[in-house]
Amino acid sequence: YYYFDEGSFRHIAMDTVNPNGYADGSLDQAQFAWL
């Protein structure tokens, strides 16, 4: 996960993949705090 700024906008890319498996996603706690 990361972010970049351009003009009047902040663009934030999240990682929603759960490394524990299954197609659906979620965030880990550390990333949610970072967000």
PDB file of all heavy atoms in Angstrom:
ATOM      1  N   TYR A   1       0.846  -1.194   0.000  1.00  0.00           N
ATOM      2  CA  TYR A   1       0.000   0.000   0.000  1.00  0.00           C
ATOM      3  C   TYR A   1       0.877   1.237   0.000  1.00  0.00           C
ATOM      4  O   TYR A   1       1.984   1.243   0.548  1.00  0.00           O
ATOM      5  CB  TYR A   1      -0.978  -0.001   1.174  1.00  0.00           C
ATOM      6  CG  TYR A   1      -0.415  -0.389   2.523  1.00  0.00           C
ATOM      7  CD1 TYR A   1       0.133   0.563   3.375  1.00  0.00           C
ATOM      8  CD2 TYR A   1      -0.457  -1.714   2.958  1.00  0.00           C
ATOM      9  CE1 TYR A   1       0.634   0.222   4.619  1.00  0.00           C
ATOM     10  CE2 TYR A   1       0.050  -2.078   4.196  1.00  0.00           C
ATOM     11  CZ  TYR A   1       0.594  -1.105   5.028  1.00  0.00           C
ATOM     12  OH  TYR A   1       1.089  -1.461   6.257  1.00  0.00           O
ATOM     13  N   TYR A   2       0.384   2.296  -0.658  1.00  0.00           N
ATOM     14  CA  TYR A   2       1.183   3.498  -0.858  1.00  0.00           C
ATOM     15  C   TYR A   2       0.252   4.632  -1.255  1.00  0.00           C
ATOM     16  O   TYR A   2      -0.957   4.429  -1.465  1.00  0.00           O
ATOM     17  CB  TYR A   2       2.231   3.271  -1.963  1.00  0.00           C
ATOM     18  CG  TYR A   2       1.618   2.959  -3.309  1.00  0.00           C
ATOM     19  CD1 TYR A   2       1.284   3.980  -4.206  1.00  0.00           C
ATOM     20  CD2 TYR A   2       1.343   1.638  -3.706  1.00  0.00           C
ATOM     21  CE1 TYR A   2       0.693   3.708  -5.428  1.00  0.00           C
ATOM     22  CE2 TYR A   2       0.761   1.351  -4.925  1.00  0.00           C
ATOM     23  CZ  TYR A   2       0.436   2.393  -5.782  1.00  0.00           C
ATOM     24  OH  TYR A   2      -0.161   2.122  -6.990  1.00  0.00           O
ATOM     25  N   TYR A   3       0.806   5.838  -1.408  1.00  0.00           N
ATOM     26  CA  TYR A   3       0.018   6.950  -1.928  1.00  0.00           C
ATOM     27  C   TYR A   3       0.909   7.831  -2.792  1.00  0.00           C
ATOM     28  O   TYR A   3       2.144   7.779  -2.716  1.00  0.00           O
ATOM     29  CB  TYR A   3      -0.617   7.771  -0.801  1.00  0.00           C
ATOM     30  CG  TYR A   3       0.328   8.700  -0.078  1.00  0.00           C
ATOM     31  CD1 TYR A   3       0.532  10.011  -0.519  1.00  0.00           C
ATOM     32  CD2 TYR A   3       1.027   8.268   1.051  1.00  0.00           C
ATOM     33  CE1 TYR A   3       1.405  10.864   0.151  1.00  0.00           C
ATOM     34  CE2 TYR A   3       1.889   9.117   1.717  1.00  0.00           C
ATOM     35  CZ  TYR A   3       2.081  10.412   1.256  1.00  0.00           C
ATOM     36  OH  TYR A   3       2.949  11.249   1.905  1.00  0.00           O
ATOM     37  N   PHE A   4       0.281   8.634  -3.642  1.00  0.00           N
ATOM     38  CA  PHE A   4       1.002   9.674  -4.371  1.00  0.00           C
ATOM     39  C   PHE A   4       0.076  10.872  -4.528  1.00  0.00           C
ATOM     40  O   PHE A   4      -1.155  10.733  -4.532  1.00  0.00           O
ATOM     41  CB  PHE A   4       1.499   9.179  -5.732  1.00  0.00           C
ATOM     42  CG  PHE A   4       0.425   8.777  -6.709  1.00  0.00           C
ATOM     43  CD1 PHE A   4      -0.032   9.670  -7.675  1.00  0.00           C
ATOM     44  CD2 PHE A   4      -0.135   7.497  -6.679  1.00  0.00           C
ATOM     45  CE1 PHE A   4      -1.021   9.295  -8.586  1.00  0.00           C
ATOM     46  CE2 PHE A   4      -1.116   7.117  -7.581  1.00  0.00           C
ATOM     47  CZ  PHE A   4      -1.568   8.015  -8.540  1.00  0.00           C
ATOM     48  N   ASP A   5       0.663  12.037  -4.608  1.00  0.00           N
ATOM     49  CA  ASP A   5      -0.079  13.282  -4.769  1.00  0.00           C
ATOM     50  C   ASP A   5       0.083  13.803  -6.200  1.00  0.00           C
ATOM     51  O   ASP A   5       1.171  13.721  -6.778  1.00  0.00           O
ATOM     52  CB  ASP A   5       0.417  14.352  -3.798  1.00  0.00           C
ATOM     53  CG  ASP A   5       0.095  14.026  -2.356  1.00  0.00           C
ATOM     54  OD1 ASP A   5      -0.891  13.295  -2.105  1.00  0.00           O
ATOM     55  OD2 ASP A   5       0.827  14.495  -1.474  1.00  0.00           O
ATOM     56  N   GLU A   6      -0.998  14.331  -6.732  1.00  0.00           N
ATOM     57  CA  GLU A   6      -0.949  14.963  -8.053  1.00  0.00           C
ATOM     58  C   GLU A   6      -1.965  16.099  -8.075  1.00  0.00           C
ATOM     59  O   GLU A   6      -3.165  15.863  -7.917  1.00  0.00           O
ATOM     60  CB  GLU A   6      -1.243  13.965  -9.179  1.00  0.00           C
ATOM     61  CG  GLU A   6      -1.133  14.597 -10.559  1.00  0.00           C
ATOM     62  CD  GLU A   6      -1.436  13.617 -11.677  1.00  0.00           C
ATOM     63  OE1 GLU A   6      -2.627  13.371 -11.945  1.00  0.00           O
ATOM     64  OE2 GLU A   6      -0.485  13.095 -12.274  1.00  0.00           O
ATOM     65  N   GLY A   7      -1.471  17.326  -8.249  1.00  0.00           N
ATOM     66  CA  GLY A   7      -2.372  18.467  -8.292  1.00  0.00           C
ATOM     67  C   GLY A   7      -3.180  18.588  -7.018  1.00  0.00           C
ATOM     68  O   GLY A   7      -2.642  18.598  -5.910  1.00  0.00           O
ATOM     69  N   SER A   8      -4.491  18.640  -7.181  1.00  0.00           N
ATOM     70  CA  SER A   8      -5.387  18.840  -6.044  1.00  0.00           C
ATOM     71  C   SER A   8      -5.808  17.535  -5.382  1.00  0.00           C
ATOM     72  O   SER A   8      -6.714  17.541  -4.554  1.00  0.00           O
ATOM     73  CB  SER A   8      -6.642  19.594  -6.510  1.00  0.00           C
ATOM     74  OG  SER A   8      -6.305  20.844  -7.063  1.00  0.00           O
ATOM     75  N   PHE A   9      -5.138  16.426  -5.706  1.00  0.00           N
ATOM     76  CA  PHE A   9      -5.626  15.122  -5.257  1.00  0.00           C
ATOM     77  C   PHE A   9      -4.531  14.294  -4.605  1.00  0.00           C
ATOM     78  O   PHE A   9      -3.371  14.310  -5.028  1.00  0.00           O
ATOM     79  CB  PHE A   9      -6.213  14.340  -6.438  1.00  0.00           C
ATOM     80  CG  PHE A   9      -7.384  15.033  -7.074  1.00  0.00           C
ATOM     81  CD1 PHE A   9      -7.193  15.885  -8.149  1.00  0.00           C
ATOM     82  CD2 PHE A   9      -8.660  14.872  -6.564  1.00  0.00           C
ATOM     83  CE1 PHE A   9      -8.260  16.557  -8.731  1.00  0.00           C
ATOM     84  CE2 PHE A   9      -9.734  15.532  -7.134  1.00  0.00           C
ATOM     85  CZ  PHE A   9      -9.540  16.378  -8.210  1.00  0.00           C
ATOM     86  N   ARG A  10      -4.912  13.557  -3.581  1.00  0.00           N
ATOM     87  CA  ARG A  10      -4.095  12.497  -3.010  1.00  0.00           C
ATOM     88  C   ARG A  10      -4.703  11.172  -3.449  1.00  0.00           C
ATOM     89  O   ARG A  10      -5.889  10.903  -3.230  1.00  0.00           O
ATOM     90  CB  ARG A  10      -4.042  12.589  -1.494  1.00  0.00           C
ATOM     91  CG  ARG A  10      -3.384  11.361  -0.817  1.00  0.00           C
ATOM     92  CD  ARG A  10      -2.848  11.675   0.556  1.00  0.00           C
ATOM     93  NE  ARG A  10      -1.688  12.574   0.462  1.00  0.00           N
ATOM     94  CZ  ARG A  10      -0.956  12.921   1.520  1.00  0.00           C
ATOM     95  NH1 ARG A  10      -1.265  12.467   2.739  1.00  0.00           N
ATOM     96  NH2 ARG A  10       0.072  13.726   1.373  1.00  0.00           N
ATOM     97  N   HIS A  11      -3.880  10.334  -4.070  1.00  0.00           N
ATOM     98  CA  HIS A  11      -4.308   9.020  -4.558  1.00  0.00           C
ATOM     99  C   HIS A  11      -3.729   7.954  -3.631  1.00  0.00           C
ATOM    100  O   HIS A  11      -2.510   7.886  -3.456  1.00  0.00           O
ATOM    101  CB  HIS A  11      -3.815   8.803  -5.990  1.00  0.00           C
ATOM    102  CG  HIS A  11      -4.277   9.855  -6.955  1.00  0.00           C
ATOM    103  ND1 HIS A  11      -5.463   9.756  -7.651  1.00  0.00           N
ATOM    104  CD2 HIS A  11      -3.717  11.035  -7.334  1.00  0.00           C
ATOM    105  CE1 HIS A  11      -5.601  10.822  -8.434  1.00  0.00           C
ATOM    106  NE2 HIS A  11      -4.566  11.611  -8.258  1.00  0.00           N
ATOM    107  N   ILE A  12      -4.584   7.143  -3.042  1.00  0.00           N
ATOM    108  CA  ILE A  12      -4.169   6.158  -2.039  1.00  0.00           C
ATOM    109  C   ILE A  12      -4.506   4.754  -2.534  1.00  0.00           C
ATOM    110  O   ILE A  12      -5.668   4.434  -2.801  1.00  0.00           O
ATOM    111  CB  ILE A  12      -4.865   6.407  -0.691  1.00  0.00           C
ATOM    112  CG1 ILE A  12      -4.531   7.812  -0.168  1.00  0.00           C
ATOM    113  CG2 ILE A  12      -4.453   5.351   0.323  1.00  0.00           C
ATOM    114  CD1 ILE A  12      -5.265   8.177   1.119  1.00  0.00           C
ATOM    115  N   ALA A  13      -3.476   3.917  -2.670  1.00  0.00           N
ATOM    116  CA  ALA A  13      -3.665   2.530  -3.108  1.00  0.00           C
ATOM    117  C   ALA A  13      -3.609   1.606  -1.901  1.00  0.00           C
ATOM    118  O   ALA A  13      -2.611   1.583  -1.168  1.00  0.00           O
ATOM    119  CB  ALA A  13      -2.596   2.148  -4.117  1.00  0.00           C
ATOM    120  N   MET A  14      -4.666   0.861  -1.682  1.00  0.00           N
ATOM    121  CA  MET A  14      -4.730  -0.095  -0.575  1.00  0.00           C
ATOM    122  C   MET A  14      -4.418  -1.510  -1.078  1.00  0.00           C
ATOM    123  O   MET A  14      -4.552  -1.807  -2.269  1.00  0.00           O
ATOM    124  CB  MET A  14      -6.128  -0.084   0.055  1.00  0.00           C
ATOM    125  CG  MET A  14      -6.557   1.261   0.608  1.00  0.00           C
ATOM    126  SD  MET A  14      -8.154   1.182   1.497  1.00  0.00           S
ATOM    127  CE  MET A  14      -9.299   0.854   0.142  1.00  0.00           C
ATOM    128  N   ASP A  15      -4.019  -2.365  -0.175  1.00  0.00           N
ATOM    129  CA  ASP A  15      -3.841  -3.794  -0.449  1.00  0.00           C
ATOM    130  C   ASP A  15      -4.923  -4.546   0.301  1.00  0.00           C
ATOM    131  O   ASP A  15      -4.849  -4.713   1.521  1.00  0.00           O
ATOM    132  CB  ASP A  15      -2.447  -4.248  -0.004  1.00  0.00           C
ATOM    133  CG  ASP A  15      -2.296  -5.769  -0.029  1.00  0.00           C
ATOM    134  OD1 ASP A  15      -3.126  -6.447  -0.659  1.00  0.00           O
ATOM    135  OD2 ASP A  15      -1.331  -6.275   0.599  1.00  0.00           O
ATOM    136  N   THR A  16      -5.938  -5.008  -0.414  1.00  0.00           N
ATOM    137  CA  THR A  16      -7.074  -5.669   0.227  1.00  0.00           C
ATOM    138  C   THR A  16      -6.994  -7.188   0.168  1.00  0.00           C
ATOM    139  O   THR A  16      -7.973  -7.871   0.483  1.00  0.00           O
ATOM    140  CB  THR A  16      -8.390  -5.199  -0.422  1.00  0.00           C
ATOM    141  OG1 THR A  16      -8.330  -5.441  -1.843  1.00  0.00           O
ATOM    142  CG2 THR A  16      -8.622  -3.719  -0.177  1.00  0.00           C
ATOM    143  N   VAL A  17      -5.849  -7.737  -0.224  1.00  0.00           N
ATOM    144  CA  VAL A  17      -5.703  -9.190  -0.327  1.00  0.00           C
ATOM    145  C   VAL A  17      -5.427  -9.770   1.055  1.00  0.00           C
ATOM    146  O   VAL A  17      -4.520  -9.317   1.768  1.00  0.00           O
ATOM    147  CB  VAL A  17      -4.571  -9.572  -1.291  1.00  0.00           C
ATOM    148  CG1 VAL A  17      -4.414 -11.094  -1.379  1.00  0.00           C
ATOM    149  CG2 VAL A  17      -4.836  -8.976  -2.677  1.00  0.00           C
ATOM    150  N   ASN A  18      -6.194 -10.772   1.435  1.00  0.00           N
ATOM    151  CA  ASN A  18      -5.967 -11.471   2.699  1.00  0.00           C
ATOM    152  C   ASN A  18      -5.006 -12.627   2.444  1.00  0.00           C
ATOM    153  O   ASN A  18      -5.362 -13.591   1.768  1.00  0.00           O
ATOM    154  CB  ASN A  18      -7.294 -11.997   3.252  1.00  0.00           C
ATOM    155  CG  ASN A  18      -7.138 -12.577   4.658  1.00  0.00           C
ATOM    156  OD1 ASN A  18      -6.055 -12.951   5.083  1.00  0.00           O
ATOM    157  ND2 ASN A  18      -8.245 -12.659   5.387  1.00  0.00           N
ATOM    158  N   PRO A  19      -3.770 -12.563   2.962  1.00  0.00           N
ATOM    159  CA  PRO A  19      -2.800 -13.632   2.690  1.00  0.00           C
ATOM    160  C   PRO A  19      -3.195 -14.973   3.270  1.00  0.00           C
ATOM    161  O   PRO A  19      -2.577 -15.999   2.951  1.00  0.00           O
ATOM    162  CB  PRO A  19      -1.512 -13.109   3.339  1.00  0.00           C
ATOM    163  CG  PRO A  19      -1.971 -12.147   4.384  1.00  0.00           C
ATOM    164  CD  PRO A  19      -3.213 -11.514   3.836  1.00  0.00           C
ATOM    165  N   ASN A  20      -4.236 -14.990   4.097  1.00  0.00           N
ATOM    166  CA  ASN A  20      -4.709 -16.247   4.660  1.00  0.00           C
ATOM    167  C   ASN A  20      -5.613 -17.026   3.714  1.00  0.00           C
ATOM    168  O   ASN A  20      -6.050 -18.120   4.047  1.00  0.00           O
ATOM    169  CB  ASN A  20      -5.437 -15.970   5.976  1.00  0.00           C
ATOM    170  CG  ASN A  20      -4.500 -15.431   7.032  1.00  0.00           C
ATOM    171  OD1 ASN A  20      -3.536 -16.087   7.416  1.00  0.00           O
ATOM    172  ND2 ASN A  20      -4.742 -14.209   7.487  1.00  0.00           N
ATOM    173  N   GLY A  21      -5.883 -16.456   2.538  1.00  0.00           N
ATOM    174  CA  GLY A  21      -6.619 -17.194   1.525  1.00  0.00           C
ATOM    175  C   GLY A  21      -8.037 -16.718   1.314  1.00  0.00           C
ATOM    176  O   GLY A  21      -8.573 -15.903   2.078  1.00  0.00           O
ATOM    177  N   TYR A  22      -8.630 -17.202   0.252  1.00  0.00           N
ATOM    178  CA  TYR A  22      -9.996 -16.953  -0.215  1.00  0.00           C
ATOM    179  C   TYR A  22     -10.041 -15.702  -1.086  1.00  0.00           C
ATOM    180  O   TYR A  22      -9.308 -14.743  -0.867  1.00  0.00           O
ATOM    181  CB  TYR A  22     -10.983 -16.868   0.948  1.00  0.00           C
ATOM    182  CG  TYR A  22     -12.439 -16.862   0.518  1.00  0.00           C
ATOM    183  CD1 TYR A  22     -12.944 -17.849  -0.330  1.00  0.00           C
ATOM    184  CD2 TYR A  22     -13.311 -15.871   0.957  1.00  0.00           C
ATOM    185  CE1 TYR A  22     -14.265 -17.840  -0.731  1.00  0.00           C
ATOM    186  CE2 TYR A  22     -14.646 -15.859   0.566  1.00  0.00           C
ATOM    187  CZ  TYR A  22     -15.116 -16.852  -0.286  1.00  0.00           C
ATOM    188  OH  TYR A  22     -16.422 -16.833  -0.687  1.00  0.00           O
ATOM    189  N   ALA A  23     -10.940 -15.719  -2.060  1.00  0.00           N
ATOM    190  CA  ALA A  23     -10.975 -14.679  -3.082  1.00  0.00           C
ATOM    191  C   ALA A  23     -11.374 -13.316  -2.531  1.00  0.00           C
ATOM    192  O   ALA A  23     -10.902 -12.282  -3.018  1.00  0.00           O
ATOM    193  CB  ALA A  23     -11.928 -15.089  -4.212  1.00  0.00           C
ATOM    194  N   ASP A  24     -12.267 -13.275  -1.539  1.00  0.00           N
ATOM    195  CA  ASP A  24     -12.687 -11.986  -0.992  1.00  0.00           C
ATOM    196  C   ASP A  24     -11.542 -11.345  -0.202  1.00  0.00           C
ATOM    197  O   ASP A  24     -10.578 -12.004   0.180  1.00  0.00           O
ATOM    198  CB  ASP A  24     -13.910 -12.159  -0.098  1.00  0.00           C
ATOM    199  CG  ASP A  24     -15.202 -12.245  -0.913  1.00  0.00           C
ATOM    200  OD1 ASP A  24     -15.115 -12.193  -2.162  1.00  0.00           O
ATOM    201  OD2 ASP A  24     -16.274 -12.365  -0.298  1.00  0.00           O
ATOM    202  N   GLY A  25     -11.698 -10.049   0.069  1.00  0.00           N
ATOM    203  CA  GLY A  25     -10.611  -9.299   0.671  1.00  0.00           C
ATOM    204  C   GLY A  25     -10.925  -8.708   2.031  1.00  0.00           C
ATOM    205  O   GLY A  25     -12.028  -8.864   2.576  1.00  0.00           O
ATOM    206  N   SER A  26      -9.958  -7.967   2.577  1.00  0.00           N
ATOM    207  CA  SER A  26     -10.071  -7.243   3.844  1.00  0.00           C
ATOM    208  C   SER A  26      -8.738  -6.530   4.063  1.00  0.00           C
ATOM    209  O   SER A  26      -7.784  -6.737   3.314  1.00  0.00           O
ATOM    210  CB  SER A  26     -10.388  -8.187   5.016  1.00  0.00           C
ATOM    211  OG  SER A  26      -9.490  -9.280   5.065  1.00  0.00           O
ATOM    212  N   LEU A  27      -8.678  -5.675   5.079  1.00  0.00           N
ATOM    213  CA  LEU A  27      -7.435  -4.985   5.438  1.00  0.00           C
ATOM    214  C   LEU A  27      -6.877  -5.547   6.737  1.00  0.00           C
ATOM    215  O   LEU A  27      -7.636  -6.005   7.600  1.00  0.00           O
ATOM    216  CB  LEU A  27      -7.680  -3.490   5.637  1.00  0.00           C
ATOM    217  CG  LEU A  27      -8.142  -2.641   4.449  1.00  0.00           C
ATOM    218  CD1 LEU A  27      -8.276  -1.184   4.884  1.00  0.00           C
ATOM    219  CD2 LEU A  27      -7.195  -2.765   3.275  1.00  0.00           C
ATOM    220  N   ASP A  28      -5.558  -5.474   6.883  1.00  0.00           N
ATOM    221  CA  ASP A  28      -4.989  -5.769   8.191  1.00  0.00           C
ATOM    222  C   ASP A  28      -5.036  -4.506   9.047  1.00  0.00           C
ATOM    223  O   ASP A  28      -5.200  -3.391   8.547  1.00  0.00           O
ATOM    224  CB  ASP A  28      -3.552  -6.280   8.045  1.00  0.00           C
ATOM    225  CG  ASP A  28      -2.642  -5.275   7.358  1.00  0.00           C
ATOM    226  OD1 ASP A  28      -2.107  -4.396   8.038  1.00  0.00           O
ATOM    227  OD2 ASP A  28      -2.491  -5.365   6.116  1.00  0.00           O
ATOM    228  N   GLN A  29      -4.906  -4.679  10.347  1.00  0.00           N
ATOM    229  CA  GLN A  29      -5.057  -3.568  11.281  1.00  0.00           C
ATOM    230  C   GLN A  29      -4.005  -2.476  11.054  1.00  0.00           C
ATOM    231  O   GLN A  29      -4.316  -1.273  11.121  1.00  0.00           O
ATOM    232  CB  GLN A  29      -4.959  -4.082  12.718  1.00  0.00           C
ATOM    233  CG  GLN A  29      -6.081  -5.028  13.123  1.00  0.00           C
ATOM    234  CD  GLN A  29      -7.380  -4.296  13.448  1.00  0.00           C
ATOM    235  OE1 GLN A  29      -7.397  -3.077  13.564  1.00  0.00           O
ATOM    236  NE2 GLN A  29      -8.467  -5.045  13.579  1.00  0.00           N
ATOM    237  N   ALA A  30      -2.769  -2.865  10.784  1.00  0.00           N
ATOM    238  CA  ALA A  30      -1.711  -1.875  10.584  1.00  0.00           C
ATOM    239  C   ALA A  30      -1.997  -1.015   9.361  1.00  0.00           C
ATOM    240  O   ALA A  30      -1.775   0.207   9.377  1.00  0.00           O
ATOM    241  CB  ALA A  30      -0.364  -2.575  10.450  1.00  0.00           C
ATOM    242  N   GLN A  31      -2.489  -1.639   8.307  1.00  0.00           N
ATOM    243  CA  GLN A  31      -2.803  -0.875   7.101  1.00  0.00           C
ATOM    244  C   GLN A  31      -3.978   0.071   7.325  1.00  0.00           C
ATOM    245  O   GLN A  31      -3.987   1.194   6.805  1.00  0.00           O
ATOM    246  CB  GLN A  31      -3.099  -1.808   5.924  1.00  0.00           C
ATOM    247  CG  GLN A  31      -3.366  -1.063   4.634  1.00  0.00           C
ATOM    248  CD  GLN A  31      -3.728  -1.959   3.468  1.00  0.00           C
ATOM    249  OE1 GLN A  31      -4.050  -1.487   2.395  1.00  0.00           O
ATOM    250  NE2 GLN A  31      -3.681  -3.269   3.650  1.00  0.00           N
ATOM    251  N   PHE A  32      -4.958  -0.359   8.088  1.00  0.00           N
ATOM    252  CA  PHE A  32      -6.109   0.500   8.368  1.00  0.00           C
ATOM    253  C   PHE A  32      -5.652   1.748   9.134  1.00  0.00           C
ATOM    254  O   PHE A  32      -6.102   2.868   8.851  1.00  0.00           O
ATOM    255  CB  PHE A  32      -7.155  -0.274   9.167  1.00  0.00           C
ATOM    256  CG  PHE A  32      -8.500   0.387   9.245  1.00  0.00           C
ATOM    257  CD1 PHE A  32      -9.038   1.092   8.175  1.00  0.00           C
ATOM    258  CD2 PHE A  32      -9.252   0.309  10.410  1.00  0.00           C
ATOM    259  CE1 PHE A  32     -10.278   1.701   8.247  1.00  0.00           C
ATOM    260  CE2 PHE A  32     -10.503   0.917  10.502  1.00  0.00           C
ATOM    261  CZ  PHE A  32     -11.015   1.610   9.413  1.00  0.00           C
ATOM    262  N   ALA A  33      -4.727   1.569  10.065  1.00  0.00           N
ATOM    263  CA  ALA A  33      -4.187   2.718  10.788  1.00  0.00           C
ATOM    264  C   ALA A  33      -3.410   3.633   9.847  1.00  0.00           C
ATOM    265  O   ALA A  33      -3.504   4.866   9.932  1.00  0.00           O
ATOM    266  CB  ALA A  33      -3.284   2.236  11.926  1.00  0.00           C
ATOM    267  N   TRP A  34      -2.655   3.025   8.936  1.00  0.00           N
ATOM    268  CA  TRP A  34      -1.922   3.809   7.937  1.00  0.00           C
ATOM    269  C   TRP A  34      -2.887   4.585   7.042  1.00  0.00           C
ATOM    270  O   TRP A  34      -2.642   5.755   6.722  1.00  0.00           O
ATOM    271  CB  TRP A  34      -1.051   2.877   7.103  1.00  0.00           C
ATOM    272  CG  TRP A  34      -0.441   3.527   5.886  1.00  0.00           C
ATOM    273  CD1 TRP A  34       0.746   4.197   5.822  1.00  0.00           C
ATOM    274  CD2 TRP A  34      -1.002   3.572   4.573  1.00  0.00           C
ATOM    275  NE1 TRP A  34       0.961   4.664   4.548  1.00  0.00           N
ATOM    276  CE2 TRP A  34      -0.093   4.300   3.758  1.00  0.00           C
ATOM    277  CE3 TRP A  34      -2.173   3.078   4.000  1.00  0.00           C
ATOM    278  CZ2 TRP A  34      -0.328   4.530   2.400  1.00  0.00           C
ATOM    279  CZ3 TRP A  34      -2.410   3.317   2.648  1.00  0.00           C
ATOM    280  CH2 TRP A  34      -1.500   4.030   1.866  1.00  0.00           C
ATOM    281  N   LEU A  35      -3.979   3.944   6.625  1.00  0.00           N
ATOM    282  CA  LEU A  35      -4.973   4.612   5.789  1.00  0.00           C
ATOM    283  C   LEU A  35      -5.509   5.853   6.489  1.00  0.00           C
ATOM    284  O   LEU A  35      -5.620   6.936   5.884  1.00  0.00           O
ATOM    285  CB  LEU A  35      -6.114   3.639   5.466  1.00  0.00           C
ATOM    286  CG  LEU A  35      -7.299   4.215   4.694  1.00  0.00           C
ATOM    287  CD1 LEU A  35      -6.888   4.640   3.289  1.00  0.00           C
ATOM    288  CD2 LEU A  35      -8.445   3.195   4.630  1.00  0.00           C
TER     289      LEU A  35
END
